[in-house]
């Protein structure tokens, strides 16, 4: 299984509905740190979103994010 194939099935993996491909997905995770980090980060993001907790973004990060969004919008979103 490639990373692209894994990412295409990421939703099913998170929803625990990828029963037919589960062994292949688990095998890929054992050999691919990048996809393991992607899966864990996605799960954590969903957990934070569902908890409705607000997190204060550091001002430097907020400024960089705002600048990046504005630059993208000026190019044409």
N, C-alpha and C. Protein backbone atom coordinates (compact mmCIF):
# COMPACT_ATOMS: atom_id res chain seq x y z
N UNK A 1 0.85 -1.17 0.00
CA UNK A 1 0.00 0.00 0.00
C UNK A 1 0.89 1.24 0.00
N UNK A 2 0.51 2.21 -0.81
CA UNK A 2 1.26 3.46 -0.87
C UNK A 2 0.66 4.48 0.10
N UNK A 3 1.38 5.55 0.33
CA UNK A 3 0.86 6.63 1.18
C UNK A 3 -0.40 7.24 0.57
N UNK A 4 -0.43 7.38 -0.74
CA UNK A 4 -1.61 7.93 -1.42
C UNK A 4 -2.82 7.04 -1.19
N UNK A 5 -2.64 5.74 -1.29
CA UNK A 5 -3.74 4.81 -1.03
C UNK A 5 -4.18 4.89 0.42
N UNK A 6 -3.21 4.98 1.33
CA UNK A 6 -3.53 5.11 2.75
C UNK A 6 -4.35 6.37 3.01
N UNK A 7 -3.90 7.49 2.46
CA UNK A 7 -4.61 8.76 2.69
C UNK A 7 -6.01 8.73 2.10
N UNK A 8 -6.20 8.02 1.00
CA UNK A 8 -7.53 7.90 0.41
C UNK A 8 -8.48 7.15 1.34
N UNK A 9 -7.93 6.30 2.19
CA UNK A 9 -8.75 5.51 3.12
C UNK A 9 -8.71 6.06 4.55
N UNK A 10 -8.12 7.22 4.74
CA UNK A 10 -7.95 7.78 6.08
C UNK A 10 -9.29 7.96 6.80
N UNK A 11 -10.30 8.48 6.11
CA UNK A 11 -11.61 8.65 6.73
C UNK A 11 -12.17 7.32 7.24
N UNK A 12 -12.04 6.30 6.40
CA UNK A 12 -12.54 4.98 6.81
C UNK A 12 -11.76 4.44 8.00
N UNK A 13 -10.47 4.72 8.03
CA UNK A 13 -9.63 4.27 9.14
C UNK A 13 -10.06 4.94 10.43
N UNK A 14 -10.31 6.23 10.36
CA UNK A 14 -10.71 6.99 11.55
C UNK A 14 -12.10 6.57 12.02
N UNK A 15 -13.00 6.35 11.06
CA UNK A 15 -14.37 5.94 11.39
C UNK A 15 -14.44 4.46 11.75
N UNK A 16 -13.34 3.77 11.62
CA UNK A 16 -13.26 2.34 11.92
C UNK A 16 -14.18 1.52 11.00
N UNK A 17 -14.31 1.99 9.75
CA UNK A 17 -15.16 1.28 8.80
C UNK A 17 -14.36 0.62 7.68
N UNK A 18 -13.06 0.62 7.79
CA UNK A 18 -12.21 0.04 6.75
C UNK A 18 -11.87 -1.41 7.09
N UNK A 19 -12.88 -2.20 7.36
CA UNK A 19 -12.62 -3.57 7.83
C UNK A 19 -11.93 -4.43 6.78
N UNK A 20 -12.31 -4.27 5.51
CA UNK A 20 -11.72 -5.11 4.46
C UNK A 20 -10.24 -4.80 4.27
N UNK A 21 -9.85 -3.55 4.43
CA UNK A 21 -8.47 -3.13 4.19
C UNK A 21 -7.69 -2.93 5.49
N UNK A 22 -8.28 -3.24 6.62
CA UNK A 22 -7.66 -2.93 7.91
C UNK A 22 -6.25 -3.51 8.04
N UNK A 23 -6.06 -4.73 7.65
CA UNK A 23 -4.73 -5.36 7.77
C UNK A 23 -3.70 -4.62 6.92
N UNK A 24 -4.10 -4.25 5.71
CA UNK A 24 -3.19 -3.50 4.83
C UNK A 24 -2.87 -2.13 5.41
N UNK A 25 -3.88 -1.49 5.96
CA UNK A 25 -3.67 -0.17 6.57
C UNK A 25 -2.73 -0.27 7.77
N UNK A 26 -2.95 -1.26 8.61
CA UNK A 26 -2.10 -1.45 9.80
C UNK A 26 -0.66 -1.76 9.39
N UNK A 27 -0.50 -2.57 8.36
CA UNK A 27 0.84 -2.90 7.88
C UNK A 27 1.55 -1.65 7.37
N UNK A 28 0.83 -0.83 6.63
CA UNK A 28 1.42 0.41 6.13
C UNK A 28 1.85 1.30 7.29
N UNK A 29 1.01 1.40 8.31
CA UNK A 29 1.35 2.23 9.47
C UNK A 29 2.60 1.73 10.18
N UNK A 30 2.82 0.42 10.19
CA UNK A 30 4.01 -0.13 10.85
C UNK A 30 5.29 0.28 10.13
N UNK A 31 5.19 0.60 8.84
CA UNK A 31 6.40 0.91 8.08
C UNK A 31 6.49 2.37 7.64
N UNK A 32 5.47 3.18 7.96
CA UNK A 32 5.47 4.56 7.47
C UNK A 32 5.18 5.54 8.61
N UNK A 33 6.23 6.16 9.09
CA UNK A 33 6.07 7.14 10.17
C UNK A 33 5.22 8.33 9.74
N UNK A 34 5.37 8.76 8.49
CA UNK A 34 4.62 9.91 8.00
C UNK A 34 3.11 9.67 8.10
N UNK A 35 2.65 8.53 7.66
CA UNK A 35 1.21 8.24 7.70
C UNK A 35 0.73 8.02 9.14
N UNK A 36 1.59 7.48 9.99
CA UNK A 36 1.23 7.31 11.40
C UNK A 36 1.02 8.68 12.05
N UNK A 37 1.91 9.61 11.77
CA UNK A 37 1.77 10.97 12.31
C UNK A 37 0.51 11.62 11.75
N UNK A 38 0.24 11.44 10.46
CA UNK A 38 -0.95 12.00 9.84
C UNK A 38 -2.21 11.45 10.51
N UNK A 39 -2.27 10.15 10.73
CA UNK A 39 -3.42 9.53 11.38
C UNK A 39 -3.59 10.06 12.80
N UNK A 40 -2.52 10.08 13.57
CA UNK A 40 -2.60 10.54 14.96
C UNK A 40 -2.98 12.01 15.05
N UNK A 41 -2.42 12.84 14.17
CA UNK A 41 -2.74 14.26 14.17
C UNK A 41 -4.19 14.49 13.79
N UNK A 42 -4.68 13.75 12.81
CA UNK A 42 -6.08 13.88 12.39
C UNK A 42 -7.00 13.46 13.52
N UNK A 43 -6.70 12.36 14.17
CA UNK A 43 -7.52 11.91 15.31
C UNK A 43 -7.53 12.96 16.42
N UNK A 44 -6.38 13.52 16.73
CA UNK A 44 -6.28 14.53 17.79
C UNK A 44 -7.06 15.78 17.40
N UNK A 45 -6.98 16.20 16.15
CA UNK A 45 -7.72 17.37 15.67
C UNK A 45 -9.21 17.15 15.83
N UNK A 46 -9.69 15.98 15.47
CA UNK A 46 -11.11 15.66 15.62
C UNK A 46 -11.51 15.67 17.09
N UNK A 47 -10.66 15.11 17.93
CA UNK A 47 -10.93 15.09 19.37
C UNK A 47 -11.04 16.51 19.93
N UNK A 48 -10.13 17.37 19.55
CA UNK A 48 -10.15 18.76 20.02
C UNK A 48 -11.40 19.47 19.51
N UNK A 49 -11.73 19.25 18.25
CA UNK A 49 -12.92 19.88 17.66
C UNK A 49 -14.18 19.44 18.38
N UNK A 50 -14.29 18.16 18.65
CA UNK A 50 -15.49 17.62 19.32
C UNK A 50 -15.61 18.08 20.77
N UNK A 51 -14.49 18.39 21.40
CA UNK A 51 -14.54 18.81 22.80
C UNK A 51 -14.98 20.26 22.97
N UNK A 52 -15.00 21.01 21.87
CA UNK A 52 -15.42 22.41 21.86
C UNK A 52 -14.55 23.29 22.76
N UNK A 53 -13.34 22.85 23.01
CA UNK A 53 -12.43 23.66 23.81
C UNK A 53 -11.79 24.71 22.92
N UNK A 54 -11.65 25.89 23.45
CA UNK A 54 -10.97 26.96 22.73
C UNK A 54 -9.53 27.02 23.19
N UNK A 55 -8.64 27.15 22.24
CA UNK A 55 -7.22 27.26 22.53
C UNK A 55 -6.74 28.61 22.03
N UNK A 56 -6.02 29.30 22.88
CA UNK A 56 -5.46 30.59 22.50
C UNK A 56 -4.27 30.37 21.58
N UNK A 57 -4.35 30.96 20.41
CA UNK A 57 -3.26 30.85 19.45
C UNK A 57 -2.21 31.91 19.78
N UNK A 58 -0.96 31.52 19.83
CA UNK A 58 0.09 32.53 20.07
C UNK A 58 0.01 33.64 19.02
N UNK A 59 0.24 34.87 19.45
CA UNK A 59 0.08 36.01 18.55
C UNK A 59 0.99 35.91 17.32
N UNK A 60 2.20 35.39 17.49
CA UNK A 60 3.10 35.27 16.34
C UNK A 60 2.54 34.29 15.30
N UNK A 61 1.95 33.20 15.76
CA UNK A 61 1.34 32.24 14.85
C UNK A 61 0.10 32.83 14.21
N UNK A 62 -0.70 33.52 14.98
CA UNK A 62 -1.91 34.16 14.45
C UNK A 62 -1.54 35.17 13.37
N UNK A 63 -0.49 35.95 13.60
CA UNK A 63 -0.05 36.95 12.61
C UNK A 63 0.44 36.28 11.33
N UNK A 64 1.21 35.20 11.46
CA UNK A 64 1.71 34.49 10.27
C UNK A 64 0.56 33.84 9.50
N UNK A 65 -0.39 33.28 10.22
CA UNK A 65 -1.54 32.65 9.57
C UNK A 65 -2.38 33.69 8.84
N UNK A 66 -2.61 34.81 9.49
CA UNK A 66 -3.38 35.90 8.88
C UNK A 66 -2.68 36.39 7.61
N UNK A 67 -1.38 36.59 7.69
CA UNK A 67 -0.62 37.07 6.52
C UNK A 67 -0.68 36.05 5.38
N UNK A 68 -0.59 34.77 5.70
CA UNK A 68 -0.65 33.74 4.67
C UNK A 68 -2.02 33.69 4.02
N UNK A 69 -3.07 33.82 4.81
CA UNK A 69 -4.43 33.81 4.27
C UNK A 69 -4.64 35.03 3.37
N UNK A 70 -4.23 36.18 3.84
CA UNK A 70 -4.39 37.41 3.05
C UNK A 70 -3.60 37.34 1.74
N UNK A 71 -2.39 36.81 1.79
CA UNK A 71 -1.58 36.67 0.58
C UNK A 71 -2.26 35.73 -0.41
N UNK A 72 -2.81 34.66 0.10
CA UNK A 72 -3.52 33.70 -0.77
C UNK A 72 -4.76 34.34 -1.40
N UNK A 73 -5.50 35.11 -0.60
CA UNK A 73 -6.71 35.77 -1.10
C UNK A 73 -6.38 36.82 -2.16
N UNK A 74 -5.26 37.50 -2.01
CA UNK A 74 -4.87 38.51 -3.00
C UNK A 74 -4.51 37.85 -4.33
N UNK A 75 -4.04 36.60 -4.27
CA UNK A 75 -3.72 35.86 -5.50
C UNK A 75 -4.99 35.33 -6.15
N UNK A 76 -6.06 35.26 -5.38
CA UNK A 76 -7.32 34.71 -5.88
C UNK A 76 -7.60 33.35 -5.30
N UNK A 77 -8.39 33.33 -4.27
CA UNK A 77 -8.70 32.08 -3.55
C UNK A 77 -9.29 31.04 -4.42
